[in-house]
N, C-alpha and C. Protein backbone atom coordinates (compact mmCIF):
# COMPACT_ATOMS: atom_id res chain seq x y z
N MET A 1 131.49 98.52 44.13
CA MET A 1 131.02 98.34 45.48
C MET A 1 131.65 97.07 46.06
N LEU A 2 132.05 97.16 47.30
CA LEU A 2 132.62 96.01 48.00
C LEU A 2 131.52 95.16 48.63
N ILE A 3 131.78 93.88 48.75
CA ILE A 3 130.85 92.99 49.44
C ILE A 3 131.04 93.21 50.94
N ASP A 4 129.95 93.48 51.62
CA ASP A 4 129.98 93.82 53.04
C ASP A 4 129.53 92.61 53.87
N PRO A 5 130.38 92.13 54.77
CA PRO A 5 129.99 90.95 55.55
C PRO A 5 128.82 91.20 56.50
N THR A 6 128.52 92.45 56.81
CA THR A 6 127.43 92.74 57.74
C THR A 6 126.07 92.85 57.06
N THR A 7 126.06 92.98 55.73
CA THR A 7 124.78 93.11 55.02
C THR A 7 124.64 92.11 53.88
N SER A 8 125.51 91.10 53.87
CA SER A 8 125.43 90.11 52.79
C SER A 8 125.10 88.73 53.34
N CYS A 9 124.65 87.88 52.44
CA CYS A 9 124.48 86.46 52.77
C CYS A 9 124.96 85.65 51.57
N LEU A 10 125.32 84.44 51.84
CA LEU A 10 125.72 83.49 50.81
C LEU A 10 124.53 82.58 50.56
N MET A 11 124.13 82.43 49.30
CA MET A 11 123.03 81.54 48.96
C MET A 11 123.57 80.41 48.09
N VAL A 12 123.39 79.19 48.59
CA VAL A 12 123.86 77.97 47.93
C VAL A 12 122.66 77.38 47.19
N ILE A 13 122.76 77.35 45.88
CA ILE A 13 121.64 76.93 45.03
C ILE A 13 121.80 75.48 44.59
N ASP A 14 120.98 74.59 45.10
CA ASP A 14 120.71 73.26 44.55
C ASP A 14 121.93 72.37 44.32
N ILE A 15 122.82 72.29 45.29
CA ILE A 15 123.95 71.36 45.17
C ILE A 15 123.50 70.05 45.81
N GLN A 16 122.84 69.23 44.98
CA GLN A 16 122.10 68.08 45.47
C GLN A 16 122.65 66.75 44.97
N GLU A 17 122.27 65.70 45.68
CA GLU A 17 122.80 64.36 45.46
C GLU A 17 122.65 63.84 44.04
N ARG A 18 121.50 64.06 43.42
CA ARG A 18 121.30 63.53 42.07
C ARG A 18 121.66 64.52 40.98
N MET A 19 121.87 65.77 41.38
CA MET A 19 122.27 66.80 40.42
C MET A 19 123.78 66.79 40.21
N ALA A 20 124.54 66.73 41.29
CA ALA A 20 125.99 66.87 41.22
C ALA A 20 126.68 65.90 40.25
N PRO A 21 126.30 64.62 40.21
CA PRO A 21 127.04 63.70 39.33
C PRO A 21 127.00 64.05 37.84
N VAL A 22 126.04 64.83 37.40
CA VAL A 22 125.95 65.16 35.97
C VAL A 22 126.49 66.55 35.65
N ILE A 23 126.99 67.25 36.65
CA ILE A 23 127.48 68.62 36.48
C ILE A 23 128.94 68.61 36.05
N HIS A 24 129.29 69.46 35.10
CA HIS A 24 130.66 69.59 34.63
C HIS A 24 131.57 70.04 35.79
N GLN A 25 132.65 69.33 36.01
CA GLN A 25 133.63 69.62 37.06
C GLN A 25 132.99 69.76 38.44
N ALA A 26 132.03 68.89 38.71
CA ALA A 26 131.26 68.98 39.96
C ALA A 26 132.14 68.91 41.20
N GLU A 27 133.10 68.01 41.23
CA GLU A 27 133.92 67.85 42.43
C GLU A 27 134.68 69.14 42.74
N GLN A 28 135.23 69.75 41.74
CA GLN A 28 135.96 71.01 41.91
C GLN A 28 135.03 72.12 42.41
N VAL A 29 133.85 72.21 41.82
CA VAL A 29 132.88 73.23 42.23
C VAL A 29 132.44 73.00 43.67
N VAL A 30 132.16 71.76 44.04
CA VAL A 30 131.74 71.46 45.41
C VAL A 30 132.86 71.80 46.39
N ASP A 31 134.11 71.46 46.05
CA ASP A 31 135.25 71.81 46.91
C ASP A 31 135.30 73.32 47.14
N ARG A 32 135.14 74.06 46.08
CA ARG A 32 135.23 75.52 46.18
C ARG A 32 134.04 76.10 46.95
N CYS A 33 132.87 75.53 46.76
CA CYS A 33 131.71 75.98 47.54
C CYS A 33 131.91 75.69 49.02
N GLN A 34 132.43 74.51 49.33
CA GLN A 34 132.70 74.16 50.72
C GLN A 34 133.67 75.16 51.33
N TRP A 35 134.71 75.51 50.62
CA TRP A 35 135.70 76.49 51.06
C TRP A 35 135.02 77.81 51.41
N LEU A 36 134.14 78.29 50.53
CA LEU A 36 133.48 79.58 50.75
C LEU A 36 132.46 79.50 51.89
N ILE A 37 131.74 78.40 51.99
CA ILE A 37 130.79 78.21 53.09
C ILE A 37 131.53 78.21 54.43
N GLU A 38 132.66 77.52 54.49
CA GLU A 38 133.43 77.47 55.73
C GLU A 38 133.91 78.86 56.14
N ILE A 39 134.37 79.65 55.18
CA ILE A 39 134.80 81.02 55.49
C ILE A 39 133.60 81.85 55.93
N ALA A 40 132.48 81.73 55.23
CA ALA A 40 131.27 82.47 55.64
C ALA A 40 130.91 82.12 57.09
N ASN A 41 130.95 80.85 57.43
CA ASN A 41 130.63 80.43 58.80
C ASN A 41 131.60 81.05 59.81
N ARG A 42 132.87 81.07 59.50
CA ARG A 42 133.86 81.64 60.42
C ARG A 42 133.67 83.14 60.60
N LEU A 43 133.22 83.80 59.54
CA LEU A 43 133.01 85.25 59.60
C LEU A 43 131.58 85.62 60.00
N GLU A 44 130.78 84.60 60.30
CA GLU A 44 129.39 84.78 60.71
C GLU A 44 128.53 85.47 59.65
N VAL A 45 128.85 85.18 58.40
CA VAL A 45 128.01 85.62 57.28
C VAL A 45 126.93 84.57 57.11
N PRO A 46 125.66 84.94 57.13
CA PRO A 46 124.59 83.95 57.00
C PRO A 46 124.68 83.17 55.68
N VAL A 47 124.39 81.87 55.78
CA VAL A 47 124.37 81.00 54.60
C VAL A 47 122.99 80.39 54.49
N LEU A 48 122.35 80.61 53.35
CA LEU A 48 121.06 80.00 53.02
C LEU A 48 121.31 78.99 51.92
N ALA A 49 120.53 77.94 51.87
CA ALA A 49 120.67 76.94 50.81
C ALA A 49 119.29 76.54 50.31
N THR A 50 119.23 76.24 49.02
CA THR A 50 117.98 75.76 48.44
C THR A 50 118.16 74.35 47.91
N GLU A 51 117.04 73.63 47.87
CA GLU A 51 116.99 72.30 47.28
C GLU A 51 115.84 72.29 46.28
N GLN A 52 116.16 72.08 45.02
CA GLN A 52 115.16 72.01 43.97
C GLN A 52 114.51 70.63 44.00
N TYR A 53 113.23 70.59 44.29
CA TYR A 53 112.46 69.35 44.28
C TYR A 53 113.26 68.18 44.85
N PRO A 54 113.55 68.19 46.16
CA PRO A 54 114.41 67.16 46.75
C PRO A 54 113.89 65.73 46.63
N LYS A 55 112.57 65.55 46.45
CA LYS A 55 112.05 64.19 46.25
C LYS A 55 112.64 63.58 44.99
N GLY A 56 112.89 64.40 44.00
CA GLY A 56 113.45 63.89 42.74
C GLY A 56 114.95 64.04 42.64
N LEU A 57 115.50 65.14 43.16
CA LEU A 57 116.93 65.42 42.99
C LEU A 57 117.76 65.14 44.24
N GLY A 58 117.13 64.68 45.30
CA GLY A 58 117.86 64.39 46.52
C GLY A 58 118.12 65.65 47.34
N GLN A 59 118.80 65.46 48.43
CA GLN A 59 119.08 66.56 49.34
C GLN A 59 120.44 67.18 49.04
N THR A 60 120.74 68.26 49.74
CA THR A 60 122.05 68.88 49.63
C THR A 60 123.12 67.84 49.95
N LEU A 61 124.22 67.88 49.20
CA LEU A 61 125.30 66.92 49.42
C LEU A 61 125.70 66.92 50.89
N PRO A 62 125.87 65.74 51.49
CA PRO A 62 126.17 65.65 52.92
C PRO A 62 127.37 66.48 53.37
N ARG A 63 128.42 66.56 52.57
CA ARG A 63 129.62 67.31 52.99
C ARG A 63 129.37 68.80 53.08
N LEU A 64 128.33 69.28 52.39
CA LEU A 64 127.94 70.69 52.52
C LEU A 64 126.85 70.85 53.58
N LYS A 65 125.93 69.90 53.58
CA LYS A 65 124.79 69.97 54.50
C LYS A 65 125.25 70.07 55.95
N CYS A 66 126.32 69.39 56.30
CA CYS A 66 126.81 69.42 57.68
C CYS A 66 127.36 70.79 58.06
N LEU A 67 127.61 71.64 57.10
CA LEU A 67 128.11 73.00 57.36
C LEU A 67 126.99 74.02 57.46
N LEU A 68 125.77 73.58 57.19
CA LEU A 68 124.63 74.50 57.11
C LEU A 68 123.70 74.33 58.30
N ASP A 69 123.07 75.40 58.69
CA ASP A 69 122.00 75.35 59.70
C ASP A 69 120.80 74.70 59.02
N ALA A 70 120.28 73.65 59.59
CA ALA A 70 119.15 72.93 58.98
C ALA A 70 117.96 73.84 58.71
N ASN A 71 117.78 74.87 59.54
CA ASN A 71 116.68 75.82 59.33
C ASN A 71 116.89 76.71 58.12
N ASN A 72 118.12 76.75 57.61
CA ASN A 72 118.43 77.60 56.45
C ASN A 72 118.50 76.81 55.14
N ILE A 73 118.07 75.55 55.16
CA ILE A 73 117.98 74.74 53.94
C ILE A 73 116.52 74.72 53.54
N ILE A 74 116.24 75.26 52.37
CA ILE A 74 114.86 75.55 51.99
C ILE A 74 114.51 74.82 50.70
N GLU A 75 113.42 74.11 50.73
CA GLU A 75 112.92 73.41 49.55
C GLU A 75 112.25 74.39 48.60
N LYS A 76 112.43 74.14 47.30
CA LYS A 76 111.75 74.97 46.31
C LYS A 76 111.34 74.11 45.12
N ILE A 77 110.40 74.63 44.36
CA ILE A 77 109.93 73.94 43.17
C ILE A 77 110.17 74.79 41.91
N HIS A 78 110.14 76.12 42.08
CA HIS A 78 110.46 77.01 40.96
C HIS A 78 111.97 77.02 40.74
N PHE A 79 112.38 77.39 39.54
CA PHE A 79 113.81 77.47 39.27
C PHE A 79 114.43 78.63 40.04
N SER A 80 113.78 79.78 40.07
CA SER A 80 114.26 80.90 40.86
C SER A 80 113.90 80.69 42.33
N ALA A 81 114.86 80.87 43.21
CA ALA A 81 114.58 80.73 44.64
C ALA A 81 113.60 81.79 45.12
N LEU A 82 113.52 82.90 44.43
CA LEU A 82 112.62 83.96 44.88
C LEU A 82 111.17 83.76 44.43
N SER A 83 110.93 82.77 43.60
CA SER A 83 109.56 82.51 43.15
C SER A 83 108.77 81.67 44.15
N ASP A 84 109.45 80.98 45.05
CA ASP A 84 108.79 80.21 46.09
C ASP A 84 108.72 81.05 47.36
N ALA A 85 107.63 80.93 48.09
CA ALA A 85 107.39 81.78 49.26
C ALA A 85 108.43 81.55 50.36
N GLU A 86 108.77 80.32 50.66
CA GLU A 86 109.67 80.05 51.79
C GLU A 86 111.08 80.63 51.57
N PRO A 87 111.74 80.38 50.43
CA PRO A 87 113.05 81.01 50.23
C PRO A 87 112.97 82.54 50.19
N ARG A 88 111.95 83.06 49.57
CA ARG A 88 111.78 84.52 49.50
C ARG A 88 111.63 85.10 50.90
N HIS A 89 110.83 84.43 51.74
CA HIS A 89 110.63 84.89 53.12
C HIS A 89 111.94 84.82 53.91
N ALA A 90 112.69 83.73 53.76
CA ALA A 90 113.96 83.58 54.48
C ALA A 90 114.93 84.70 54.10
N LEU A 91 114.95 85.05 52.84
CA LEU A 91 115.84 86.12 52.38
C LEU A 91 115.37 87.47 52.89
N GLN A 92 114.08 87.71 52.80
CA GLN A 92 113.54 89.01 53.20
C GLN A 92 113.54 89.20 54.72
N SER A 93 113.60 88.11 55.48
CA SER A 93 113.59 88.24 56.93
C SER A 93 114.95 88.67 57.48
N GLY A 94 116.00 88.59 56.68
CA GLY A 94 117.33 89.03 57.10
C GLY A 94 117.57 90.47 56.67
N ALA A 95 118.65 91.03 57.17
CA ALA A 95 119.00 92.41 56.83
C ALA A 95 119.98 92.41 55.65
N TYR A 96 119.65 91.64 54.64
CA TYR A 96 120.57 91.45 53.52
C TYR A 96 120.30 92.48 52.43
N GLN A 97 121.36 93.13 52.01
CA GLN A 97 121.29 94.00 50.83
C GLN A 97 122.05 93.37 49.68
N GLN A 98 122.96 92.47 50.03
CA GLN A 98 123.80 91.81 49.04
C GLN A 98 123.63 90.30 49.15
N VAL A 99 123.53 89.65 48.00
CA VAL A 99 123.40 88.19 47.98
C VAL A 99 124.47 87.63 47.06
N ILE A 100 125.26 86.71 47.60
CA ILE A 100 126.31 86.05 46.83
C ILE A 100 125.80 84.66 46.49
N LEU A 101 125.81 84.34 45.20
CA LEU A 101 125.25 83.07 44.73
C LEU A 101 126.33 82.09 44.30
N VAL A 102 126.15 80.83 44.72
CA VAL A 102 126.96 79.71 44.26
C VAL A 102 125.99 78.56 43.97
N GLY A 103 126.41 77.59 43.15
CA GLY A 103 125.55 76.42 42.99
C GLY A 103 125.38 75.92 41.58
N MET A 104 124.25 75.22 41.38
CA MET A 104 123.97 74.47 40.15
C MET A 104 122.52 74.72 39.73
N GLU A 105 122.16 74.75 38.57
CA GLU A 105 122.89 74.94 37.37
C GLU A 105 122.96 76.43 37.05
N THR A 106 124.12 76.85 36.56
CA THR A 106 124.38 78.27 36.34
C THR A 106 123.34 78.92 35.45
N HIS A 107 122.96 78.24 34.38
CA HIS A 107 122.09 78.84 33.36
C HIS A 107 120.60 78.66 33.67
N VAL A 108 120.27 77.98 34.75
CA VAL A 108 118.86 77.77 35.09
C VAL A 108 118.57 78.40 36.46
N CYS A 109 118.77 77.66 37.51
CA CYS A 109 118.38 78.13 38.85
C CYS A 109 119.22 79.29 39.35
N VAL A 110 120.53 79.25 39.12
CA VAL A 110 121.38 80.37 39.54
C VAL A 110 121.00 81.62 38.74
N LEU A 111 120.85 81.47 37.45
CA LEU A 111 120.50 82.61 36.59
C LEU A 111 119.15 83.21 36.97
N GLN A 112 118.13 82.39 37.07
CA GLN A 112 116.80 82.93 37.36
C GLN A 112 116.74 83.56 38.75
N THR A 113 117.45 82.98 39.72
CA THR A 113 117.51 83.57 41.05
C THR A 113 118.22 84.92 40.99
N ALA A 114 119.34 84.98 40.30
CA ALA A 114 120.09 86.24 40.18
C ALA A 114 119.25 87.33 39.52
N LEU A 115 118.54 86.97 38.47
CA LEU A 115 117.71 87.97 37.76
C LEU A 115 116.62 88.51 38.67
N GLU A 116 115.98 87.64 39.44
CA GLU A 116 114.94 88.12 40.35
C GLU A 116 115.53 88.93 41.50
N LEU A 117 116.67 88.51 42.02
CA LEU A 117 117.31 89.29 43.09
C LEU A 117 117.61 90.70 42.60
N LYS A 118 118.21 90.79 41.43
CA LYS A 118 118.55 92.10 40.86
C LYS A 118 117.30 92.94 40.66
N SER A 119 116.24 92.34 40.13
CA SER A 119 115.00 93.09 39.86
C SER A 119 114.33 93.57 41.15
N GLN A 120 114.63 92.88 42.27
CA GLN A 120 114.06 93.28 43.56
C GLN A 120 114.99 94.19 44.36
N GLY A 121 116.06 94.64 43.72
CA GLY A 121 116.92 95.65 44.34
C GLY A 121 118.09 95.14 45.15
N TYR A 122 118.34 93.84 45.14
CA TYR A 122 119.50 93.30 45.86
C TYR A 122 120.75 93.50 45.01
N ASP A 123 121.88 93.81 45.66
CA ASP A 123 123.17 93.75 44.99
C ASP A 123 123.50 92.27 44.86
N THR A 124 123.67 91.83 43.64
CA THR A 124 123.75 90.39 43.36
C THR A 124 125.11 90.05 42.78
N PHE A 125 125.73 89.02 43.36
CA PHE A 125 127.06 88.57 42.96
C PHE A 125 127.00 87.08 42.65
N VAL A 126 127.57 86.67 41.54
CA VAL A 126 127.66 85.25 41.18
C VAL A 126 129.14 84.88 41.22
N VAL A 127 129.46 83.84 41.97
CA VAL A 127 130.85 83.41 42.14
C VAL A 127 131.17 82.42 41.01
N GLN A 128 131.90 82.90 40.01
CA GLN A 128 132.09 82.12 38.79
C GLN A 128 132.82 80.81 38.99
N ASP A 129 133.69 80.70 39.99
CA ASP A 129 134.38 79.44 40.22
C ASP A 129 133.63 78.53 41.19
N CYS A 130 132.43 78.94 41.58
CA CYS A 130 131.58 78.13 42.47
C CYS A 130 130.22 77.85 41.85
N VAL A 131 130.14 77.93 40.53
CA VAL A 131 128.91 77.57 39.82
C VAL A 131 129.28 76.68 38.64
N SER A 132 128.32 75.88 38.20
CA SER A 132 128.53 75.06 37.01
C SER A 132 127.19 74.59 36.47
N SER A 133 127.27 74.03 35.28
CA SER A 133 126.11 73.45 34.60
C SER A 133 126.53 72.10 34.03
N ARG A 134 125.58 71.38 33.48
CA ARG A 134 125.93 70.11 32.83
C ARG A 134 126.85 70.37 31.65
N ASP A 135 126.56 71.41 30.90
CA ASP A 135 127.33 71.74 29.70
C ASP A 135 128.09 73.04 29.96
N PRO A 136 129.43 73.06 29.79
CA PRO A 136 130.21 74.27 30.03
C PRO A 136 129.76 75.46 29.18
N GLU A 137 129.21 75.20 28.00
CA GLU A 137 128.73 76.30 27.16
C GLU A 137 127.54 77.02 27.80
N ASP A 138 126.70 76.28 28.49
CA ASP A 138 125.57 76.91 29.19
C ASP A 138 126.08 77.81 30.32
N LYS A 139 127.09 77.34 31.05
CA LYS A 139 127.67 78.18 32.10
C LYS A 139 128.25 79.45 31.49
N ALA A 140 129.01 79.31 30.43
CA ALA A 140 129.64 80.47 29.79
C ALA A 140 128.59 81.48 29.33
N ALA A 141 127.52 80.99 28.73
CA ALA A 141 126.45 81.89 28.27
C ALA A 141 125.80 82.61 29.44
N ALA A 142 125.59 81.89 30.54
CA ALA A 142 124.98 82.51 31.72
C ALA A 142 125.90 83.58 32.30
N LEU A 143 127.21 83.30 32.39
CA LEU A 143 128.15 84.29 32.92
C LEU A 143 128.15 85.55 32.06
N GLU A 144 128.09 85.37 30.77
CA GLU A 144 128.02 86.53 29.87
C GLU A 144 126.73 87.33 30.09
N ARG A 145 125.64 86.62 30.26
CA ARG A 145 124.36 87.31 30.50
C ARG A 145 124.37 88.07 31.82
N PHE A 146 124.95 87.48 32.85
CA PHE A 146 125.07 88.19 34.13
C PHE A 146 125.77 89.53 33.90
N LYS A 147 126.89 89.49 33.22
CA LYS A 147 127.67 90.71 32.98
C LYS A 147 126.87 91.74 32.20
N GLN A 148 126.16 91.28 31.18
CA GLN A 148 125.36 92.20 30.37
C GLN A 148 124.27 92.87 31.18
N LEU A 149 123.76 92.18 32.19
CA LEU A 149 122.64 92.70 32.98
C LEU A 149 123.08 93.37 34.28
N GLY A 150 124.39 93.55 34.46
CA GLY A 150 124.87 94.28 35.63
C GLY A 150 124.92 93.46 36.92
N ILE A 151 124.90 92.16 36.79
CA ILE A 151 125.08 91.29 37.95
C ILE A 151 126.59 91.05 38.07
N GLN A 152 127.12 91.27 39.26
CA GLN A 152 128.56 91.17 39.47
C GLN A 152 129.02 89.72 39.40
N VAL A 153 130.04 89.47 38.58
CA VAL A 153 130.66 88.15 38.49
C VAL A 153 131.99 88.24 39.22
N VAL A 154 132.16 87.41 40.24
CA VAL A 154 133.33 87.47 41.12
C VAL A 154 133.92 86.08 41.29
N THR A 155 135.03 86.00 42.01
CA THR A 155 135.62 84.70 42.37
C THR A 155 135.50 84.52 43.88
N ARG A 156 135.70 83.30 44.32
CA ARG A 156 135.57 83.02 45.75
C ARG A 156 136.61 83.79 46.56
N GLU A 157 137.81 83.96 46.03
CA GLU A 157 138.81 84.73 46.76
C GLU A 157 138.43 86.20 46.84
N MET A 158 137.83 86.74 45.79
CA MET A 158 137.36 88.12 45.85
C MET A 158 136.36 88.28 46.99
N VAL A 159 135.43 87.34 47.09
CA VAL A 159 134.43 87.39 48.16
C VAL A 159 135.11 87.32 49.52
N ALA A 160 136.00 86.36 49.71
CA ALA A 160 136.66 86.18 51.01
C ALA A 160 137.44 87.43 51.41
N PHE A 161 138.22 87.99 50.50
CA PHE A 161 139.01 89.16 50.84
C PHE A 161 138.13 90.39 51.08
N GLU A 162 137.01 90.51 50.37
CA GLU A 162 136.11 91.63 50.62
C GLU A 162 135.42 91.47 51.97
N TRP A 163 135.04 90.25 52.33
CA TRP A 163 134.48 90.01 53.66
C TRP A 163 135.50 90.35 54.75
N LEU A 164 136.76 89.98 54.52
CA LEU A 164 137.81 90.21 55.51
C LEU A 164 138.20 91.69 55.63
N ARG A 165 138.22 92.39 54.53
CA ARG A 165 138.52 93.81 54.45
C ARG A 165 139.98 94.20 54.67
N ARG A 166 140.68 93.56 55.62
CA ARG A 166 142.05 93.99 55.91
C ARG A 166 142.87 92.85 56.50
N ALA A 167 144.18 92.99 56.35
CA ALA A 167 145.12 92.05 56.94
C ALA A 167 145.45 92.54 58.35
N GLY A 168 146.23 91.74 59.05
CA GLY A 168 146.72 92.17 60.35
C GLY A 168 145.78 91.92 61.52
N THR A 169 144.67 91.26 61.28
CA THR A 169 143.74 90.94 62.36
C THR A 169 143.86 89.45 62.70
N ASP A 170 143.43 89.10 63.88
CA ASP A 170 143.44 87.68 64.25
C ASP A 170 142.59 86.86 63.29
N ARG A 171 141.45 87.41 62.93
CA ARG A 171 140.54 86.70 62.01
C ARG A 171 141.23 86.47 60.66
N PHE A 172 141.90 87.51 60.15
CA PHE A 172 142.61 87.37 58.87
C PHE A 172 143.69 86.31 58.98
N ARG A 173 144.49 86.35 60.05
CA ARG A 173 145.57 85.37 60.21
C ARG A 173 145.02 83.95 60.26
N GLU A 174 143.93 83.76 61.00
CA GLU A 174 143.33 82.43 61.11
C GLU A 174 142.84 81.93 59.75
N ILE A 175 142.13 82.77 59.03
CA ILE A 175 141.59 82.36 57.73
C ILE A 175 142.71 82.22 56.70
N SER A 176 143.68 83.11 56.76
CA SER A 176 144.82 83.03 55.84
C SER A 176 145.58 81.72 56.02
N ARG A 177 145.86 81.36 57.25
CA ARG A 177 146.58 80.11 57.53
C ARG A 177 145.82 78.89 57.01
N GLN A 178 144.52 78.89 57.20
CA GLN A 178 143.75 77.70 56.87
C GLN A 178 143.24 77.66 55.43
N TYR A 179 142.95 78.83 54.84
CA TYR A 179 142.25 78.83 53.55
C TYR A 179 142.97 79.55 52.40
N LEU A 180 143.88 80.43 52.69
CA LEU A 180 144.42 81.29 51.62
C LEU A 180 145.85 80.93 51.22
N ARG A 181 146.33 79.80 51.60
CA ARG A 181 147.70 79.41 51.24
C ARG A 181 147.77 78.80 49.88
């Protein structure tokens, strides 16, 4: 199944000020998440973001936060975004059938969110080059578990090209010039 820009949303999980410094290859992951968020914004794909206990872990990194609608940044306390009422309501209030996940930590909040999304009937995609954990082995184990459970593991370019669908359009040329070189 292809990712459909009209029925999908991008969910950014817990890329926060006090979390990022301890994450393996955090700078690279944040760069890649920014790239995908910018493309989602250009293609008008909704972007939701969660913050795990922001009093303790801080807010979404400023370089990402400025790309997000403040109303779509949602505080949570559970590891799964779907276990808290506000993120669950934000997701259910949209016409989303597909949810693309990026963020931190792959084996905790991203994993538990993906499992609940799948169990609730959403087509769930985890962008492997836009997720990380403190320990690379935890990320690897989570990616393997996603595959075993039928959660799609994709790359950011796969998502972008599936959202775009075809070459030869003004939108494709604009995004290709700026992001796909």
